[in-house]
Protein backbone atom coordinates (compact mmCIF):
# COMPACT_ATOMS: atom_id res chain seq x y z
CA MET A 1 -267.79 -171.68 -13.19
CA SER A 2 -265.34 -174.53 -13.64
CA GLY A 3 -263.80 -175.93 -10.44
CA ILE A 4 -266.08 -173.98 -8.08
CA LYS A 5 -268.89 -175.72 -6.26
CA ILE A 6 -271.84 -173.41 -5.66
CA ASP A 7 -274.43 -174.29 -3.02
CA ARG A 8 -277.31 -171.91 -3.63
CA LYS A 9 -279.09 -173.14 -0.49
CA MET A 10 -276.26 -172.00 1.78
CA GLY A 11 -277.37 -169.09 3.95
CA LYS A 12 -275.52 -166.48 5.96
CA GLU A 13 -275.36 -168.56 9.16
CA GLU A 14 -273.96 -171.58 7.32
CA ILE A 15 -271.30 -169.42 5.64
CA LEU A 16 -270.23 -167.86 8.96
CA SER A 17 -270.19 -171.27 10.62
CA ARG A 18 -267.87 -172.68 7.95
CA VAL A 19 -265.59 -169.64 8.19
CA LYS A 20 -265.27 -170.16 11.97
CA LYS A 21 -264.44 -173.83 11.50
CA ASN A 22 -261.74 -173.07 8.94
CA LYS A 23 -259.92 -170.18 10.58
CA PRO A 24 -256.14 -170.24 10.10
CA VAL A 25 -253.88 -170.81 13.08
CA LEU A 26 -253.15 -167.55 14.88
CA HIS A 27 -249.52 -166.52 14.98
CA ILE A 28 -248.03 -164.15 17.53
CA LEU A 29 -246.93 -160.91 15.92
CA PRO A 30 -243.18 -160.35 15.92
CA GLU A 31 -241.71 -157.97 18.44
CA ILE A 32 -240.26 -154.95 16.66
CA ASP A 33 -237.65 -152.75 18.24
CA LEU A 34 -238.75 -149.26 17.20
CA LYS A 35 -235.29 -147.90 18.00
CA ILE A 36 -234.06 -149.25 14.66
CA PHE A 37 -236.33 -146.72 12.92
CA SER A 38 -235.09 -143.81 14.98
CA GLU A 39 -233.78 -140.92 12.88
CA GLU A 40 -232.85 -137.33 13.58
CA LEU A 41 -235.84 -135.93 11.73
CA ASP A 42 -237.67 -132.67 12.00
CA LEU A 43 -241.10 -134.26 12.46
CA ILE A 44 -243.06 -131.15 11.56
CA GLU A 45 -241.15 -130.39 8.34
CA THR A 46 -241.18 -134.06 7.33
CA PHE A 47 -244.92 -134.23 7.91
CA LYS A 48 -245.59 -131.02 5.95
CA ASN A 49 -243.45 -132.19 3.03
CA ASN A 50 -245.17 -135.57 2.87
CA VAL A 51 -248.63 -134.01 2.99
CA LYS A 52 -247.61 -132.12 -0.15
CA VAL A 53 -246.11 -135.25 -1.75
CA VAL A 54 -249.42 -137.11 -1.47
CA GLY A 55 -251.38 -134.23 -3.01
CA GLY A 56 -252.49 -132.22 0.02
CA THR A 57 -251.67 -128.71 1.16
CA CYS A 58 -250.45 -127.71 4.60
CA TYR A 59 -250.71 -124.43 6.51
CA THR A 60 -249.79 -123.20 9.97
CA SER A 61 -252.43 -121.51 12.07
CA ILE A 62 -252.49 -119.84 15.47
CA SER A 63 -256.20 -120.08 16.34
CA VAL A 64 -259.55 -121.52 15.33
CA ASN A 65 -260.67 -118.12 14.05
CA ASP A 66 -257.54 -117.94 11.91
CA ILE A 67 -258.38 -121.34 10.43
CA TYR A 68 -261.90 -120.22 9.53
CA ALA A 69 -260.52 -117.04 7.94
CA GLN A 70 -257.99 -118.97 5.84
CA VAL A 71 -260.56 -121.59 4.78
CA GLU A 72 -262.94 -118.82 3.68
CA LYS A 73 -260.20 -117.39 1.45
CA LEU A 74 -259.23 -120.80 0.03
CA PHE A 75 -262.81 -121.93 -0.63
CA SER A 76 -264.67 -118.66 -1.05
CA ASN A 77 -267.04 -120.06 -3.71
CA GLN A 78 -268.22 -123.04 -1.64
CA LYS A 79 -271.70 -122.76 -0.13
CA ILE A 80 -272.50 -125.78 2.06
CA LYS A 81 -270.01 -125.90 4.94
CA TYR A 82 -269.80 -127.86 8.17
CA SER A 83 -267.21 -127.73 10.94
CA LEU A 84 -266.71 -129.71 14.13
CA LEU A 85 -264.23 -127.19 15.50
CA PRO A 86 -265.26 -124.84 18.33
CA ASP A 87 -267.06 -121.57 17.52
CA ASN A 88 -268.64 -123.08 14.42
CA GLN A 89 -272.06 -121.41 14.72
CA LEU A 90 -271.22 -118.60 12.32
CA TYR A 91 -269.34 -120.89 9.92
CA ASN A 92 -271.77 -123.79 9.53
CA THR A 93 -274.46 -123.44 6.90
CA ILE A 94 -276.22 -126.67 7.93
CA ASP A 95 -276.88 -128.61 11.11
CA PHE A 96 -276.68 -132.32 10.38
CA LYS A 97 -278.24 -133.12 13.75
CA LEU A 98 -281.41 -131.41 12.57
CA LYS A 99 -281.25 -131.86 8.80
CA TYR A 100 -279.36 -135.12 8.31
CA ASN A 101 -280.49 -136.63 5.02
CA GLN A 102 -278.97 -138.01 1.86
CA LYS A 103 -279.40 -134.75 -0.06
CA SER A 104 -277.55 -132.63 2.52
CA LEU A 105 -274.63 -135.07 2.53
CA GLU A 106 -274.45 -135.21 -1.26
CA ASN A 107 -274.02 -131.45 -1.55
CA LEU A 108 -271.47 -130.91 1.24
CA ASP A 109 -268.69 -128.65 -0.07
CA VAL A 110 -266.35 -128.22 2.93
CA PHE A 111 -265.96 -130.32 6.06
CA ILE A 112 -263.58 -129.33 8.88
CA LEU A 113 -262.59 -131.51 11.81
CA LYS A 114 -259.70 -132.22 14.14
CA SER A 115 -257.31 -135.16 14.04
CA ASN A 116 -255.46 -136.20 17.18
CA LEU A 117 -252.69 -138.16 15.50
CA GLY A 118 -250.46 -137.50 12.48
CA VAL A 119 -247.65 -139.55 10.93
CA ALA A 120 -244.57 -137.80 9.59
CA GLU A 121 -243.33 -140.61 7.33
CA ASN A 122 -246.37 -140.54 5.04
CA GLY A 123 -248.34 -137.40 5.90
CA ALA A 124 -251.26 -139.48 7.17
CA LEU A 125 -253.79 -138.38 9.77
CA TRP A 126 -255.87 -140.66 11.97
CA LEU A 127 -259.64 -140.24 12.24
CA SER A 128 -262.05 -142.35 14.28
CA ASN A 129 -265.72 -142.43 15.17
CA ASN A 130 -264.77 -140.48 18.30
CA ASP A 131 -263.92 -137.49 16.08
CA PHE A 132 -267.11 -137.24 14.00
CA ASN A 133 -270.65 -138.50 14.29
CA ILE A 134 -271.53 -139.38 10.68
CA ARG A 135 -269.01 -141.82 9.23
CA VAL A 136 -269.36 -140.80 5.58
CA LEU A 137 -268.60 -137.07 6.07
CA PRO A 138 -264.81 -137.09 5.38
CA PHE A 139 -265.38 -139.05 2.17
CA ILE A 140 -268.43 -137.42 0.64
CA THR A 141 -267.35 -133.80 1.12
CA LYS A 142 -265.71 -132.09 -1.85
CA HIS A 143 -262.99 -130.46 0.28
CA LEU A 144 -261.70 -131.98 3.53
CA ILE A 145 -259.96 -129.78 6.10
CA LEU A 146 -258.06 -131.51 8.93
CA VAL A 147 -256.61 -129.67 11.91
CA ILE A 148 -253.88 -131.18 14.09
CA ASP A 149 -251.77 -130.04 17.01
CA SER A 150 -248.08 -130.25 16.08
CA LYS A 151 -247.30 -132.14 19.30
CA ASN A 152 -249.52 -135.01 18.11
CA ILE A 153 -247.30 -135.90 15.15
CA VAL A 154 -245.24 -139.08 15.45
CA ALA A 155 -242.44 -140.35 13.25
CA THR A 156 -243.76 -143.65 11.85
CA LEU A 157 -246.84 -145.81 11.58
CA HIS A 158 -245.25 -148.11 14.16
CA ASP A 159 -245.34 -145.21 16.60
CA ALA A 160 -248.90 -144.41 15.60
CA TYR A 161 -250.13 -147.96 16.25
CA GLN A 162 -248.42 -147.95 19.63
CA ASN A 163 -250.28 -144.71 20.39
CA LEU A 164 -253.61 -146.31 19.39
CA ALA A 165 -253.06 -149.60 21.23
CA GLY A 166 -255.63 -150.34 23.90
CA LYS A 167 -258.03 -147.60 22.79
CA ASP A 168 -261.60 -148.42 21.84
CA TYR A 169 -262.80 -147.53 18.33
CA ASN A 170 -265.75 -148.79 16.31
CA PHE A 171 -264.23 -147.24 13.21
CA GLY A 172 -260.89 -145.69 12.36
CA ILE A 173 -258.90 -144.74 9.29
CA PHE A 174 -255.63 -143.10 8.26
CA ILE A 175 -256.12 -140.49 5.54
CA SER A 176 -253.15 -139.45 3.43
CA GLY A 177 -253.89 -136.92 0.71
CA PRO A 178 -257.10 -136.53 -1.32
CA SER A 179 -258.74 -139.51 -2.99
CA LYS A 180 -256.88 -140.57 -6.12
CA THR A 181 -256.55 -143.41 -8.58
CA ALA A 182 -254.34 -144.14 -11.58
CA ASP A 183 -255.80 -147.43 -12.78
CA ILE A 184 -258.05 -145.82 -15.42
CA GLU A 185 -256.03 -145.64 -18.63
CA GLN A 186 -252.95 -145.10 -16.40
CA SER A 187 -254.04 -141.53 -15.82
CA LEU A 188 -253.99 -140.00 -12.33
CA VAL A 189 -257.44 -138.84 -11.23
CA ILE A 190 -257.85 -136.76 -8.06
CA GLY A 191 -261.12 -137.01 -6.14
CA ALA A 192 -262.14 -140.30 -7.74
CA GLN A 193 -263.69 -141.94 -4.67
CA GLY A 194 -263.64 -139.25 -2.02
CA ALA A 195 -262.67 -135.66 -1.28
CA MET A 196 -261.23 -133.69 -4.19
CA SER A 197 -258.77 -131.88 -1.93
CA LEU A 198 -257.17 -132.25 1.49
CA THR A 199 -256.00 -129.22 3.45
CA VAL A 200 -254.13 -129.63 6.73
CA PHE A 201 -253.75 -126.93 9.37
CA LEU A 202 -251.00 -127.31 11.96
CA THR A 203 -251.57 -125.54 15.26
């Protein structure tokens, strides 16, 4: 390659050492007054609308049993199901603690878990390693079901990051809608790199 010097003898430690020596100067993040974003919004309706905008569906539920009943109706043809909600013994068709292997993950049809933080402005939900034990589950399942308490919805991502500040996570992600891409022949594809559908239940 022209203009690029390649040292094939350079190992991992040498690369990391050079990165450390050439770190940019750290700048203090600006202080943002969140009051400037304050609006008279109905957080729940805004959240529900934005979940739909990004390609998900949103339902209201009164109990865990009600959620299971609705999921069974929505995904009646799906066979391999796994839930991290309470009372999941009758719902789960597999126990990943006992049968965790590549094949069982590959064939997962429905995965249900709880999120403890939602964002109204973009319909996003926060998930971390504290919520599920196998990191790939929300991405390899065909249909992802997220359950959130309405009181845990905040207005903006600024509010969400304030909520998360100081908490310890090895892994965390905001999920907004099912996986999608439009860079292949400028055609929108749903489920390109992750779940084919996202269903949200508000409790």
